[in-house]
Structure formats: C-alpha cells, structure tokens
Amino acid sequence: PPRQHAALVDHALASGSVVLVSRLSSDSYLRTLHEKGVRIFMSRSPERHLPHLLEGRL
C-alpha cells in the first residue's frame, strides 16, 4: 500500500539512506526508494536483478 511504502521510505531515510531488500519487494517501492536517493542492497541476490534502479547507486 502507498501509505505503508511511504512509512518504509521514511524509515530507510532516517536510518542512514541504506535499505536491504528482498526480491519480493515491489518495483514501485524500490523505484520510490531509488528516486529519493536511498542506496538499495539485495538481501539474497546480486544487484544485477534491478540494474535500472541500482545503476550508479552502489
């Protein structure tokens, strides 16, 4: 839900702009994080699964 995503984004930013995500995270949530400058790390897979979101961030 967008409201939940917003809260998660705020938490990620407050905790140092780094978030650990799983492959189950929604594309819209990851895109929102990326647009806000949060550094995204995949918890179980290399970042190559989301090159369009992660390129230039790690």
PDB file of N, CA and C in Angstrom:
ATOM      1  N   PRO A   1       0.837  -1.212   0.000  1.00  0.00           N
ATOM      2  CA  PRO A   1       0.000   0.000   0.000  1.00  0.00           C
ATOM      3  C   PRO A   1       0.870   1.261   0.000  1.00  0.00           C
ATOM      4  N   PRO A   2       0.474   2.285  -0.711  1.00  0.00           N
ATOM      5  CA  PRO A   2       1.278   3.506  -0.780  1.00  0.00           C
ATOM      6  C   PRO A   2       1.613   4.092   0.581  1.00  0.00           C
ATOM      7  N   ARG A   3       0.649   4.066   1.498  1.00  0.00           N
ATOM      8  CA  ARG A   3       0.896   4.641   2.815  1.00  0.00           C
ATOM      9  C   ARG A   3       2.009   3.877   3.538  1.00  0.00           C
ATOM     10  N   GLN A   4       1.947   2.555   3.433  1.00  0.00           N
ATOM     11  CA  GLN A   4       2.977   1.732   4.061  1.00  0.00           C
ATOM     12  C   GLN A   4       4.324   1.974   3.396  1.00  0.00           C
ATOM     13  N   HIS A   5       4.320   2.097   2.073  1.00  0.00           N
ATOM     14  CA  HIS A   5       5.558   2.363   1.351  1.00  0.00           C
ATOM     15  C   HIS A   5       6.177   3.667   1.814  1.00  0.00           C
ATOM     16  N   ALA A   6       5.356   4.678   1.991  1.00  0.00           N
ATOM     17  CA  ALA A   6       5.861   5.975   2.438  1.00  0.00           C
ATOM     18  C   ALA A   6       6.531   5.852   3.794  1.00  0.00           C
ATOM     19  N   ALA A   7       5.920   5.094   4.697  1.00  0.00           N
ATOM     20  CA  ALA A   7       6.497   4.907   6.024  1.00  0.00           C
ATOM     21  C   ALA A   7       7.825   4.164   5.936  1.00  0.00           C
ATOM     22  N   LEU A   8       7.890   3.172   5.061  1.00  0.00           N
ATOM     23  CA  LEU A   8       9.124   2.417   4.898  1.00  0.00           C
ATOM     24  C   LEU A   8      10.217   3.285   4.296  1.00  0.00           C
ATOM     25  N   VAL A   9       9.830   4.132   3.354  1.00  0.00           N
ATOM     26  CA  VAL A   9      10.799   5.047   2.752  1.00  0.00           C
ATOM     27  C   VAL A   9      11.334   5.995   3.817  1.00  0.00           C
ATOM     28  N   ASP A  10      10.440   6.552   4.624  1.00  0.00           N
ATOM     29  CA  ASP A  10      10.862   7.473   5.676  1.00  0.00           C
ATOM     30  C   ASP A  10      11.816   6.781   6.636  1.00  0.00           C
ATOM     31  N   HIS A  11      11.504   5.539   6.988  1.00  0.00           N
ATOM     32  CA  HIS A  11      12.360   4.790   7.898  1.00  0.00           C
ATOM     33  C   HIS A  11      13.732   4.551   7.276  1.00  0.00           C
ATOM     34  N   ALA A  12      13.745   4.198   5.991  1.00  0.00           N
ATOM     35  CA  ALA A  12      15.010   3.946   5.307  1.00  0.00           C
ATOM     36  C   ALA A  12      15.871   5.200   5.299  1.00  0.00           C
ATOM     37  N   LEU A  13      15.246   6.342   5.027  1.00  0.00           N
ATOM     38  CA  LEU A  13      15.992   7.596   5.001  1.00  0.00           C
ATOM     39  C   LEU A  13      16.507   7.952   6.387  1.00  0.00           C
ATOM     40  N   ALA A  14      15.683   7.724   7.403  1.00  0.00           N
ATOM     41  CA  ALA A  14      16.063   8.080   8.765  1.00  0.00           C
ATOM     42  C   ALA A  14      17.182   7.191   9.291  1.00  0.00           C
ATOM     43  N   SER A  15      17.261   5.977   8.754  1.00  0.00           N
ATOM     44  CA  SER A  15      18.250   5.036   9.269  1.00  0.00           C
ATOM     45  C   SER A  15      19.537   5.046   8.455  1.00  0.00           C
ATOM     46  N   GLY A  16      19.751   6.093   7.679  1.00  0.00           N
ATOM     47  CA  GLY A  16      21.023   6.241   7.004  1.00  0.00           C
ATOM     48  C   GLY A  16      20.983   6.081   5.503  1.00  0.00           C
ATOM     49  N   SER A  17      19.805   6.121   4.916  1.00  0.00           N
ATOM     50  CA  SER A  17      19.663   6.072   3.460  1.00  0.00           C
ATOM     51  C   SER A  17      20.212   4.796   2.844  1.00  0.00           C
ATOM     52  N   VAL A  18      20.145   3.718   3.587  1.00  0.00           N
ATOM     53  CA  VAL A  18      20.513   2.408   3.054  1.00  0.00           C
ATOM     54  C   VAL A  18      19.384   1.451   3.418  1.00  0.00           C
ATOM     55  N   VAL A  19      18.955   0.658   2.456  1.00  0.00           N
ATOM     56  CA  VAL A  19      17.890  -0.294   2.738  1.00  0.00           C
ATOM     57  C   VAL A  19      18.252  -1.656   2.170  1.00  0.00           C
ATOM     58  N   LEU A  20      17.978  -2.693   2.926  1.00  0.00           N
ATOM     59  CA  LEU A  20      18.207  -4.062   2.479  1.00  0.00           C
ATOM     60  C   LEU A  20      16.857  -4.612   2.037  1.00  0.00           C
ATOM     61  N   VAL A  21      16.790  -5.045   0.791  1.00  0.00           N
ATOM     62  CA  VAL A  21      15.512  -5.505   0.263  1.00  0.00           C
ATOM     63  C   VAL A  21      15.608  -6.949  -0.197  1.00  0.00           C
ATOM     64  N   SER A  22      14.461  -7.577  -0.302  1.00  0.00           N
ATOM     65  CA  SER A  22      14.407  -8.921  -0.858  1.00  0.00           C
ATOM     66  C   SER A  22      13.850  -8.824  -2.266  1.00  0.00           C
ATOM     67  N   ARG A  23      13.930  -9.903  -3.017  1.00  0.00           N
ATOM     68  CA  ARG A  23      13.421  -9.889  -4.387  1.00  0.00           C
ATOM     69  C   ARG A  23      11.906  -9.779  -4.405  1.00  0.00           C
ATOM     70  N   LEU A  24      11.266  -9.920  -3.258  1.00  0.00           N
ATOM     71  CA  LEU A  24       9.810  -9.826  -3.201  1.00  0.00           C
ATOM     72  C   LEU A  24       9.328  -8.385  -3.091  1.00  0.00           C
ATOM     73  N   SER A  25      10.260  -7.466  -2.874  1.00  0.00           N
ATOM     74  CA  SER A  25       9.863  -6.068  -2.766  1.00  0.00           C
ATOM     75  C   SER A  25       9.284  -5.594  -4.099  1.00  0.00           C
ATOM     76  N   SER A  26       8.264  -4.770  -4.013  1.00  0.00           N
ATOM     77  CA  SER A  26       7.613  -4.321  -5.240  1.00  0.00           C
ATOM     78  C   SER A  26       8.479  -3.338  -6.007  1.00  0.00           C
ATOM     79  N   ASP A  27       8.336  -3.353  -7.323  1.00  0.00           N
ATOM     80  CA  ASP A  27       9.088  -2.427  -8.158  1.00  0.00           C
ATOM     81  C   ASP A  27       8.775  -0.980  -7.806  1.00  0.00           C
ATOM     82  N   SER A  28       7.516  -0.692  -7.499  1.00  0.00           N
ATOM     83  CA  SER A  28       7.147   0.691  -7.201  1.00  0.00           C
ATOM     84  C   SER A  28       7.815   1.167  -5.910  1.00  0.00           C
ATOM     85  N   TYR A  29       7.900   0.281  -4.928  1.00  0.00           N
ATOM     86  CA  TYR A  29       8.558   0.627  -3.666  1.00  0.00           C
ATOM     87  C   TYR A  29      10.049   0.875  -3.900  1.00  0.00           C
ATOM     88  N   LEU A  30      10.692  -0.022  -4.662  1.00  0.00           N
ATOM     89  CA  LEU A  30      12.118   0.129  -4.930  1.00  0.00           C
ATOM     90  C   LEU A  30      12.386   1.389  -5.744  1.00  0.00           C
ATOM     91  N   ARG A  31      11.512   1.676  -6.710  1.00  0.00           N
ATOM     92  CA  ARG A  31      11.695   2.878  -7.524  1.00  0.00           C
ATOM     93  C   ARG A  31      11.577   4.130  -6.662  1.00  0.00           C
ATOM     94  N   THR A  32      10.622   4.120  -5.726  1.00  0.00           N
ATOM     95  CA  THR A  32      10.459   5.267  -4.830  1.00  0.00           C
ATOM     96  C   THR A  32      11.710   5.464  -3.991  1.00  0.00           C
ATOM     97  N   LEU A  33      12.242   4.381  -3.445  1.00  0.00           N
ATOM     98  CA  LEU A  33      13.468   4.483  -2.660  1.00  0.00           C
ATOM     99  C   LEU A  33      14.597   5.052  -3.508  1.00  0.00           C
ATOM    100  N   HIS A  34      14.727   4.520  -4.703  1.00  0.00           N
ATOM    101  CA  HIS A  34      15.804   4.936  -5.599  1.00  0.00           C
ATOM    102  C   HIS A  34      15.693   6.422  -5.931  1.00  0.00           C
ATOM    103  N   GLU A  35      14.485   6.875  -6.210  1.00  0.00           N
ATOM    104  CA  GLU A  35      14.281   8.270  -6.577  1.00  0.00           C
ATOM    105  C   GLU A  35      14.617   9.204  -5.423  1.00  0.00           C
ATOM    106  N   LYS A  36      14.477   8.700  -4.188  1.00  0.00           N
ATOM    107  CA  LYS A  36      14.780   9.515  -3.017  1.00  0.00           C
ATOM    108  C   LYS A  36      16.249   9.399  -2.613  1.00  0.00           C
ATOM    109  N   GLY A  37      17.019   8.639  -3.390  1.00  0.00           N
ATOM    110  CA  GLY A  37      18.448   8.562  -3.128  1.00  0.00           C
ATOM    111  C   GLY A  37      18.855   7.492  -2.135  1.00  0.00           C
ATOM    112  N   VAL A  38      17.945   6.581  -1.816  1.00  0.00           N
ATOM    113  CA  VAL A  38      18.283   5.506  -0.887  1.00  0.00           C
ATOM    114  C   VAL A  38      19.153   4.478  -1.607  1.00  0.00           C
ATOM    115  N   ARG A  39      20.211   4.043  -0.959  1.00  0.00           N
ATOM    116  CA  ARG A  39      21.061   3.012  -1.534  1.00  0.00           C
ATOM    117  C   ARG A  39      20.409   1.662  -1.269  1.00  0.00           C
ATOM    118  N   ILE A  40      20.236   0.889  -2.325  1.00  0.00           N
ATOM    119  CA  ILE A  40      19.499  -0.368  -2.239  1.00  0.00           C
ATOM    120  C   ILE A  40      20.457  -1.549  -2.359  1.00  0.00           C
ATOM    121  N   PHE A  41      20.349  -2.472  -1.433  1.00  0.00           N
ATOM    122  CA  PHE A  41      21.125  -3.696  -1.484  1.00  0.00           C
ATOM    123  C   PHE A  41      20.172  -4.883  -1.492  1.00  0.00           C
ATOM    124  N   MET A  42      20.452  -5.860  -2.327  1.00  0.00           N
ATOM    125  CA  MET A  42      19.621  -7.050  -2.354  1.00  0.00           C
ATOM    126  C   MET A  42      20.075  -7.986  -1.232  1.00  0.00           C
ATOM    127  N   SER A  43      19.124  -8.536  -0.494  1.00  0.00           N
ATOM    128  CA  SER A  43      19.481  -9.361   0.648  1.00  0.00           C
ATOM    129  C   SER A  43      19.855 -10.782   0.258  1.00  0.00           C
ATOM    130  N   ARG A  44      19.333 -11.268  -0.870  1.00  0.00           N
ATOM    131  CA  ARG A  44      19.608 -12.654  -1.229  1.00  0.00           C
ATOM    132  C   ARG A  44      20.213 -12.805  -2.620  1.00  0.00           C
ATOM    133  N   SER A  45      20.301 -11.706  -3.348  1.00  0.00           N
ATOM    134  CA  SER A  45      20.763 -11.792  -4.727  1.00  0.00           C
ATOM    135  C   SER A  45      21.633 -10.594  -5.074  1.00  0.00           C
ATOM    136  N   PRO A  46      22.490 -10.744  -6.062  1.00  0.00           N
ATOM    137  CA  PRO A  46      23.293  -9.596  -6.514  1.00  0.00           C
ATOM    138  C   PRO A  46      22.391  -8.506  -7.062  1.00  0.00           C
ATOM    139  N   GLU A  47      22.913  -7.286  -7.074  1.00  0.00           N
ATOM    140  CA  GLU A  47      22.108  -6.143  -7.521  1.00  0.00           C
ATOM    141  C   GLU A  47      21.762  -6.196  -8.992  1.00  0.00           C
ATOM    142  N   ARG A  48      22.331  -7.133  -9.744  1.00  0.00           N
ATOM    143  CA  ARG A  48      22.066  -7.168 -11.185  1.00  0.00           C
ATOM    144  C   ARG A  48      20.588  -7.420 -11.497  1.00  0.00           C
ATOM    145  N   HIS A  49      19.805  -7.862 -10.504  1.00  0.00           N
ATOM    146  CA  HIS A  49      18.391  -8.102 -10.757  1.00  0.00           C
ATOM    147  C   HIS A  49      17.621  -6.808 -11.004  1.00  0.00           C
ATOM    148  N   LEU A  50      18.175  -5.682 -10.553  1.00  0.00           N
ATOM    149  CA  LEU A  50      17.472  -4.415 -10.716  1.00  0.00           C
ATOM    150  C   LEU A  50      18.417  -3.351 -11.267  1.00  0.00           C
ATOM    151  N   PRO A  51      19.057  -3.636 -12.392  1.00  0.00           N
ATOM    152  CA  PRO A  51      20.054  -2.688 -12.901  1.00  0.00           C
ATOM    153  C   PRO A  51      19.482  -1.314 -13.202  1.00  0.00           C
ATOM    154  N   HIS A  52      18.203  -1.264 -13.609  1.00  0.00           N
ATOM    155  CA  HIS A  52      17.600   0.020 -13.957  1.00  0.00           C
ATOM    156  C   HIS A  52      17.404   0.892 -12.725  1.00  0.00           C
ATOM    157  N   LEU A  53      17.313   0.267 -11.550  1.00  0.00           N
ATOM    158  CA  LEU A  53      17.138   1.026 -10.320  1.00  0.00           C
ATOM    159  C   LEU A  53      18.462   1.282  -9.616  1.00  0.00           C
ATOM    160  N   LEU A  54      19.374   0.326  -9.715  1.00  0.00           N
ATOM    161  CA  LEU A  54      20.564   0.369  -8.886  1.00  0.00           C
ATOM    162  C   LEU A  54      21.787   0.968  -9.567  1.00  0.00           C
ATOM    163  N   GLU A  55      21.741   1.089 -10.852  1.00  0.00           N
ATOM    164  CA  GLU A  55      22.925   1.564 -11.565  1.00  0.00           C
ATOM    165  C   GLU A  55      23.377   2.919 -11.035  1.00  0.00           C
ATOM    166  N   GLY A  56      24.644   2.998 -10.665  1.00  0.00           N
ATOM    167  CA  GLY A  56      25.199   4.252 -10.183  1.00  0.00           C
ATOM    168  C   GLY A  56      24.940   4.516  -8.719  1.00  0.00           C
ATOM    169  N   ARG A  57      24.280   3.611  -8.048  1.00  0.00           N
ATOM    170  CA  ARG A  57      23.960   3.841  -6.641  1.00  0.00           C
ATOM    171  C   ARG A  57      24.889   3.077  -5.694  1.00  0.00           C
ATOM    172  N   LEU A  58      25.439   1.958  -6.140  1.00  0.00           N
ATOM    173  CA  LEU A  58      26.237   1.139  -5.230  1.00  0.00           C
ATOM    174  C   LEU A  58      27.711   1.386  -5.447  1.00  0.00           C
TER     175      LEU A  58
END
